[in-house]
Amino acid sequence: MKRPRKTSGRTPRQVVTAVHSPEAGRCLDILRRLSAFIDDELPAQICKELRHHLGACPSCEVFIASLRATVTLCRHCPTPQLTAQDRARLRLEVLNASRPRTKR
């Protein structure tokens, strides 16, 4: 008969959270690659590294679930017709939003 394992009283999610200590910039590096990851555009070794990180990082795990849902919704919505002016404005807004913010 197996003896019950002693636990710390934490749920599995709490244990994972306790084990994960984000390295400086590691989650940010992961987030930058997630779009290519969910589109199967990365080499197998990088996908393996990302899956390993995602299994240990609840924050990144939640983010990728949200990203996958967003991509699915976008793929099923009709593309709006934009004028050249609208496309230029949106492109500029995306570029501005993606620039690193400076600390003051």
N, C-alpha and C. Protein backbone atom coordinates (compact mmCIF):
# COMPACT_ATOMS: atom_id res chain seq x y z
N MET A 1 0.84 -1.19 0.00
CA MET A 1 0.00 0.00 0.00
C MET A 1 0.88 1.25 0.00
N LYS A 2 0.53 2.17 -0.90
CA LYS A 2 1.32 3.40 -0.99
C LYS A 2 0.99 4.34 0.15
N ARG A 3 2.01 4.95 0.64
CA ARG A 3 1.80 5.96 1.69
C ARG A 3 1.57 7.30 1.01
N PRO A 4 0.64 8.08 1.51
CA PRO A 4 0.40 9.40 0.92
C PRO A 4 1.64 10.28 1.03
N ARG A 5 1.90 11.02 -0.04
CA ARG A 5 3.04 11.94 0.00
C ARG A 5 2.72 13.13 0.88
N LYS A 6 3.75 13.58 1.56
CA LYS A 6 3.58 14.80 2.35
C LYS A 6 3.65 15.98 1.39
N THR A 7 2.76 16.91 1.58
CA THR A 7 2.76 18.10 0.73
C THR A 7 2.91 19.33 1.61
N SER A 8 3.22 20.40 0.95
CA SER A 8 3.40 21.66 1.68
C SER A 8 2.08 22.36 1.94
N GLY A 9 0.99 21.76 1.45
CA GLY A 9 -0.32 22.40 1.61
C GLY A 9 -0.63 23.35 0.47
N ARG A 10 0.29 23.47 -0.49
CA ARG A 10 0.07 24.36 -1.63
C ARG A 10 -0.53 23.56 -2.78
N THR A 11 -1.28 24.24 -3.62
CA THR A 11 -1.82 23.61 -4.82
C THR A 11 -0.69 23.46 -5.83
N PRO A 12 -0.87 22.60 -6.86
CA PRO A 12 0.18 22.47 -7.87
C PRO A 12 0.56 23.80 -8.50
N ARG A 13 -0.41 24.68 -8.77
CA ARG A 13 -0.11 25.98 -9.36
C ARG A 13 0.79 26.80 -8.44
N GLN A 14 0.54 26.74 -7.14
CA GLN A 14 1.36 27.49 -6.19
C GLN A 14 2.78 26.93 -6.16
N VAL A 15 2.91 25.63 -6.29
CA VAL A 15 4.24 25.01 -6.29
C VAL A 15 5.01 25.47 -7.52
N VAL A 16 4.36 25.45 -8.68
CA VAL A 16 5.02 25.91 -9.90
C VAL A 16 5.43 27.36 -9.77
N THR A 17 4.55 28.18 -9.23
CA THR A 17 4.86 29.60 -9.06
C THR A 17 6.05 29.78 -8.15
N ALA A 18 6.12 28.98 -7.10
CA ALA A 18 7.22 29.10 -6.16
C ALA A 18 8.54 28.70 -6.80
N VAL A 19 8.51 27.74 -7.73
CA VAL A 19 9.72 27.26 -8.38
C VAL A 19 10.20 28.25 -9.43
N HIS A 20 9.28 28.91 -10.12
CA HIS A 20 9.64 29.82 -11.20
C HIS A 20 10.14 31.15 -10.65
N SER A 21 11.35 31.46 -10.99
CA SER A 21 11.86 32.78 -10.66
C SER A 21 12.33 33.40 -11.96
N PRO A 22 11.54 34.31 -12.52
CA PRO A 22 11.86 34.87 -13.83
C PRO A 22 13.24 35.51 -13.86
N GLU A 23 14.01 35.12 -14.87
CA GLU A 23 15.30 35.76 -15.06
C GLU A 23 15.02 37.13 -15.69
N ALA A 24 15.92 38.04 -15.50
CA ALA A 24 15.72 39.37 -16.06
C ALA A 24 15.51 39.28 -17.56
N GLY A 25 14.35 39.68 -18.02
CA GLY A 25 14.07 39.71 -19.44
C GLY A 25 13.65 38.39 -20.06
N ARG A 26 13.71 37.28 -19.33
CA ARG A 26 13.39 35.97 -19.91
C ARG A 26 11.93 35.91 -20.37
N CYS A 27 11.01 36.34 -19.54
CA CYS A 27 9.59 36.33 -19.93
C CYS A 27 9.37 37.26 -21.13
N LEU A 28 10.03 38.39 -21.15
CA LEU A 28 9.89 39.32 -22.27
C LEU A 28 10.39 38.68 -23.55
N ASP A 29 11.50 37.95 -23.47
CA ASP A 29 12.03 37.24 -24.63
C ASP A 29 11.03 36.20 -25.11
N ILE A 30 10.41 35.49 -24.18
CA ILE A 30 9.41 34.47 -24.51
C ILE A 30 8.21 35.15 -25.19
N LEU A 31 7.73 36.24 -24.63
CA LEU A 31 6.56 36.92 -25.17
C LEU A 31 6.80 37.40 -26.60
N ARG A 32 8.02 37.79 -26.90
CA ARG A 32 8.34 38.25 -28.25
C ARG A 32 8.24 37.12 -29.28
N ARG A 33 8.41 35.88 -28.82
CA ARG A 33 8.40 34.74 -29.74
C ARG A 33 7.07 34.01 -29.79
N LEU A 34 6.13 34.37 -28.95
CA LEU A 34 4.89 33.60 -28.85
C LEU A 34 4.07 33.59 -30.13
N SER A 35 4.02 34.68 -30.85
CA SER A 35 3.24 34.70 -32.07
C SER A 35 3.79 33.69 -33.08
N ALA A 36 5.09 33.68 -33.26
CA ALA A 36 5.71 32.71 -34.16
C ALA A 36 5.53 31.29 -33.62
N PHE A 37 5.54 31.14 -32.31
CA PHE A 37 5.36 29.83 -31.67
C PHE A 37 3.98 29.26 -31.98
N ILE A 38 2.93 30.05 -31.80
CA ILE A 38 1.59 29.51 -32.02
C ILE A 38 1.30 29.31 -33.51
N ASP A 39 2.08 29.95 -34.37
CA ASP A 39 1.92 29.76 -35.81
C ASP A 39 2.86 28.66 -36.35
N ASP A 40 3.54 27.95 -35.45
CA ASP A 40 4.49 26.88 -35.82
C ASP A 40 5.57 27.36 -36.78
N GLU A 41 6.12 28.52 -36.50
CA GLU A 41 7.15 29.11 -37.37
C GLU A 41 8.54 29.04 -36.76
N LEU A 42 8.70 28.37 -35.62
CA LEU A 42 9.99 28.31 -34.94
C LEU A 42 10.61 26.92 -35.06
N PRO A 43 11.94 26.85 -34.97
CA PRO A 43 12.60 25.54 -34.98
C PRO A 43 12.18 24.72 -33.76
N ALA A 44 12.26 23.40 -33.90
CA ALA A 44 11.81 22.48 -32.85
C ALA A 44 12.49 22.75 -31.50
N GLN A 45 13.79 23.04 -31.50
CA GLN A 45 14.51 23.26 -30.24
C GLN A 45 13.99 24.48 -29.50
N ILE A 46 13.70 25.54 -30.24
CA ILE A 46 13.17 26.75 -29.60
C ILE A 46 11.77 26.48 -29.07
N CYS A 47 10.96 25.73 -29.82
CA CYS A 47 9.62 25.37 -29.34
C CYS A 47 9.71 24.57 -28.04
N LYS A 48 10.68 23.68 -27.97
CA LYS A 48 10.88 22.88 -26.76
C LYS A 48 11.22 23.78 -25.57
N GLU A 49 12.10 24.74 -25.79
CA GLU A 49 12.48 25.68 -24.73
C GLU A 49 11.28 26.52 -24.29
N LEU A 50 10.48 26.96 -25.25
CA LEU A 50 9.30 27.76 -24.92
C LEU A 50 8.30 26.94 -24.12
N ARG A 51 8.05 25.68 -24.54
CA ARG A 51 7.12 24.83 -23.80
C ARG A 51 7.61 24.60 -22.37
N HIS A 52 8.91 24.42 -22.21
CA HIS A 52 9.48 24.24 -20.87
C HIS A 52 9.22 25.47 -20.01
N HIS A 53 9.47 26.66 -20.57
CA HIS A 53 9.24 27.89 -19.82
C HIS A 53 7.75 28.06 -19.50
N LEU A 54 6.90 27.82 -20.50
CA LEU A 54 5.47 27.99 -20.29
C LEU A 54 4.95 27.07 -19.19
N GLY A 55 5.52 25.87 -19.09
CA GLY A 55 5.10 24.94 -18.04
C GLY A 55 5.49 25.40 -16.65
N ALA A 56 6.47 26.30 -16.56
CA ALA A 56 6.94 26.77 -15.26
C ALA A 56 6.51 28.20 -14.94
N CYS A 57 5.90 28.87 -15.91
CA CYS A 57 5.56 30.28 -15.72
C CYS A 57 4.07 30.52 -15.94
N PRO A 58 3.30 30.59 -14.88
CA PRO A 58 1.86 30.80 -15.01
C PRO A 58 1.49 32.08 -15.76
N SER A 59 2.25 33.13 -15.60
CA SER A 59 1.94 34.38 -16.29
C SER A 59 2.04 34.23 -17.80
N CYS A 60 3.10 33.59 -18.27
CA CYS A 60 3.27 33.38 -19.71
C CYS A 60 2.24 32.39 -20.22
N GLU A 61 1.89 31.42 -19.40
CA GLU A 61 0.89 30.42 -19.78
C GLU A 61 -0.47 31.09 -20.01
N VAL A 62 -0.85 32.00 -19.13
CA VAL A 62 -2.11 32.73 -19.27
C VAL A 62 -2.05 33.63 -20.50
N PHE A 63 -0.91 34.26 -20.71
CA PHE A 63 -0.78 35.16 -21.85
C PHE A 63 -0.93 34.41 -23.16
N ILE A 64 -0.30 33.24 -23.28
CA ILE A 64 -0.39 32.50 -24.55
C ILE A 64 -1.80 31.98 -24.79
N ALA A 65 -2.50 31.61 -23.74
CA ALA A 65 -3.89 31.18 -23.91
C ALA A 65 -4.73 32.34 -24.45
N SER A 66 -4.50 33.53 -23.93
CA SER A 66 -5.22 34.71 -24.40
C SER A 66 -4.84 35.04 -25.84
N LEU A 67 -3.56 34.94 -26.17
CA LEU A 67 -3.10 35.21 -27.53
C LEU A 67 -3.71 34.22 -28.52
N ARG A 68 -3.74 32.94 -28.16
CA ARG A 68 -4.35 31.94 -29.05
C ARG A 68 -5.83 32.25 -29.28
N ALA A 69 -6.54 32.62 -28.23
CA ALA A 69 -7.96 32.96 -28.37
C ALA A 69 -8.14 34.18 -29.26
N THR A 70 -7.29 35.17 -29.11
CA THR A 70 -7.37 36.38 -29.93
C THR A 70 -7.11 36.06 -31.40
N VAL A 71 -6.09 35.25 -31.66
CA VAL A 71 -5.77 34.87 -33.04
C VAL A 71 -6.94 34.11 -33.66
N THR A 72 -7.54 33.20 -32.91
CA THR A 72 -8.69 32.45 -33.41
C THR A 72 -9.84 33.38 -33.76
N LEU A 73 -10.13 34.33 -32.88
CA LEU A 73 -11.20 35.30 -33.15
C LEU A 73 -10.90 36.13 -34.40
N CYS A 74 -9.66 36.57 -34.52
CA CYS A 74 -9.29 37.41 -35.67
C CYS A 74 -9.38 36.63 -36.99
N ARG A 75 -9.04 35.37 -36.96
CA ARG A 75 -9.09 34.56 -38.18
C ARG A 75 -10.52 34.32 -38.65
N HIS A 76 -11.49 34.46 -37.75
CA HIS A 76 -12.87 34.20 -38.11
C HIS A 76 -13.68 35.48 -38.35
N CYS A 77 -13.02 36.62 -38.29
CA CYS A 77 -13.71 37.90 -38.52
C CYS A 77 -13.35 38.41 -39.91
N PRO A 78 -14.30 39.04 -40.58
CA PRO A 78 -13.98 39.60 -41.90
C PRO A 78 -13.00 40.77 -41.76
N THR A 79 -12.14 40.90 -42.73
CA THR A 79 -11.16 41.98 -42.72
C THR A 79 -11.83 43.27 -43.18
N PRO A 80 -11.73 44.33 -42.38
CA PRO A 80 -12.36 45.59 -42.79
C PRO A 80 -11.59 46.22 -43.95
N GLN A 81 -12.29 46.94 -44.77
CA GLN A 81 -11.66 47.67 -45.87
C GLN A 81 -11.14 48.99 -45.33
N LEU A 82 -9.86 49.23 -45.50
CA LEU A 82 -9.24 50.46 -44.99
C LEU A 82 -8.72 51.30 -46.15
N THR A 83 -8.78 52.58 -45.97
CA THR A 83 -8.19 53.48 -46.96
C THR A 83 -6.68 53.47 -46.76
N ALA A 84 -5.96 53.98 -47.73
CA ALA A 84 -4.50 54.08 -47.62
C ALA A 84 -4.13 54.95 -46.42
N GLN A 85 -4.91 55.99 -46.18
CA GLN A 85 -4.66 56.88 -45.04
C GLN A 85 -4.85 56.14 -43.71
N ASP A 86 -5.91 55.33 -43.61
CA ASP A 86 -6.16 54.54 -42.40
C ASP A 86 -5.02 53.55 -42.16
N ARG A 87 -4.56 52.86 -43.22
CA ARG A 87 -3.47 51.89 -43.08
C ARG A 87 -2.19 52.58 -42.60
N ALA A 88 -1.89 53.73 -43.14
CA ALA A 88 -0.69 54.46 -42.74
C ALA A 88 -0.78 54.89 -41.28
N ARG A 89 -1.95 55.38 -40.88
CA ARG A 89 -2.14 55.81 -39.49
C ARG A 89 -2.00 54.63 -38.53
N LEU A 90 -2.63 53.50 -38.87
CA LEU A 90 -2.55 52.32 -38.01
C LEU A 90 -1.11 51.80 -37.91
N ARG A 91 -0.42 51.78 -39.03
CA ARG A 91 0.98 51.32 -39.02
C ARG A 91 1.82 52.19 -38.09
N LEU A 92 1.64 53.49 -38.18
CA LEU A 92 2.38 54.42 -37.33
C LEU A 92 2.05 54.18 -35.85
N GLU A 93 0.78 53.95 -35.54
CA GLU A 93 0.38 53.69 -34.16
C GLU A 93 0.99 52.40 -33.63
N VAL A 94 1.03 51.36 -34.46
CA VAL A 94 1.63 50.09 -34.05
C VAL A 94 3.13 50.27 -33.81
N LEU A 95 3.80 50.96 -34.72
CA LEU A 95 5.23 51.20 -34.55
C LEU A 95 5.52 52.01 -33.29
N ASN A 96 4.73 53.03 -33.04
CA ASN A 96 4.92 53.83 -31.82
C ASN A 96 4.67 53.01 -30.57
N ALA A 97 3.67 52.15 -30.59
CA ALA A 97 3.35 51.32 -29.42
C ALA A 97 4.42 50.27 -29.16
N SER A 98 5.13 49.86 -30.20
CA SER A 98 6.12 48.79 -30.03
C SER A 98 7.50 49.31 -29.62
N ARG A 99 7.67 50.62 -29.64
CA ARG A 99 8.96 51.19 -29.23
C ARG A 99 9.12 51.08 -27.72
N PRO A 100 10.34 50.76 -27.28
CA PRO A 100 10.56 50.71 -25.83
C PRO A 100 10.30 52.07 -25.20
N ARG A 101 9.67 52.03 -24.06
CA ARG A 101 9.39 53.27 -23.34
C ARG A 101 10.60 53.62 -22.48
N THR A 102 10.92 54.89 -22.45
CA THR A 102 12.03 55.32 -21.62
C THR A 102 11.54 55.66 -20.23
N LYS A 103 12.36 55.34 -19.25
CA LYS A 103 12.00 55.66 -17.86
C LYS A 103 12.42 57.09 -17.58
N ARG A 104 11.57 57.75 -16.85
CA ARG A 104 11.87 59.16 -16.52
C ARG A 104 12.25 59.27 -15.07
